[in-house]
Structures are given as C-alpha cells and as structure tokens.
C-alpha cells in the first residue's frame, strides 16, 4: 500500500457485534469514506440491493472468479462464500480514497499479505450475554442457528490479537466515535502523510537550503 494515496481499513467482528450499523453511522459523519462491496453467494435479504450491499452471484460464478484470481480475499462463512475484488480495491486506493473492508479474520489474513500496512480494527460485543440478546433480537434465525453463531463468535474473537485496534460496541455513539478517532489517527500517521504531502514537504525542506 506504500504507493497508494488512500488508506485501507480492515474491520472484522463476530456476527451480532454491530459492525455494519457502526460503519453506516460512521459514513454519515465521513461521506468520503468508502466501504468495499463484496461478492457473495448468499441470497439478498429483504431490502438489500445488488451492487449496493453485495454483488450477488451463484457458486459457479464465484468459483470462476477464484480461478481467474479476481479476489483480493475470499472465505467461506457458514454455508456461503464471500470475496473482495482486488481490482476494485486497488482502483479506489490509487485514486486516494479511504476504503473499508468488512471481512472476517480469514479474509483479513489474506489482505495483510497483499497490503501489510492495512489498519486492522476488531469490534467486540460487551459480553456474550449482550451478543446473544442482539442475535435473538434480530428475529431472523432459529435457536439452532443462534447457538452456532454464538460458538462461531468465540472462535472469531480469538483472533483479536491479529488486529491493530479493538473497539467494544457497548455504547453505540462511543463506539462510532472510537472508530472515527482510529481512522483520523491513521490518516495523520507519518507514512500516510508523507505520501499525501510530498510537494508540501519538499517545499518546506527546500526552504532551508
């Protein structure tokens, strides 16, 4: 990522931790922030739109894209497949856009091989009881599915050491503010600013000669 102007953020969380809601709220504050639209083999949920929430494809199409090397990362989550287009990510970063990838720890590992400077953020629920309450409150899943999601959540959360920042989504507004602070700090880091301020830095340093 050293030759790009945009910053890449990788955000992961167990199902029910509120990742998507947090990022929607963050984008209202930062409309210039983009969230990558992933490809998936799962069917659209009510209200979801193709090309907005996901690119919905069948398994054969997804498999063909893997063979073509089209994905920056891809993973199987439950019984569905998800993947992020490498061309779309690179295009956004080269144009100077800050981009968020909403992916799980498997995908995050793949992204770090390609973009080792990507900023990793893991979102945690305040407790397992709160996570169960949120999953149950959706009213979308059976008790059996909820139990599986609870087990998978603990497995997912065990990978938190692989991320740069941890955000606990207890008080929603505070969690949004925490995300905003992390992204601001990343944009102001020395390596990012050096890329974006090349002309300014050159002029400032040349003045001493």
Foldseek 3Di string as FASTA:
>chain_A
DLQFQAAEEEEEAFPQQCPVVLVVVLCVVVVLEAEFAKEKQDDDDPPDDDPPNHPHDHPVVVVVCVVVVQFLFKDDDDNMIITTGPVVVVVCRNVNGYYYYYDAPRRVVSNCVVVVPHAYEYEYEPDLVSSLVSVVVVVPDDPVVSVVSSVVRVVRVVPVVVGDYYAYPDPSVVSSVVVVVVVVVSCPDPSSVCSVCVVVVVVVVVVVD
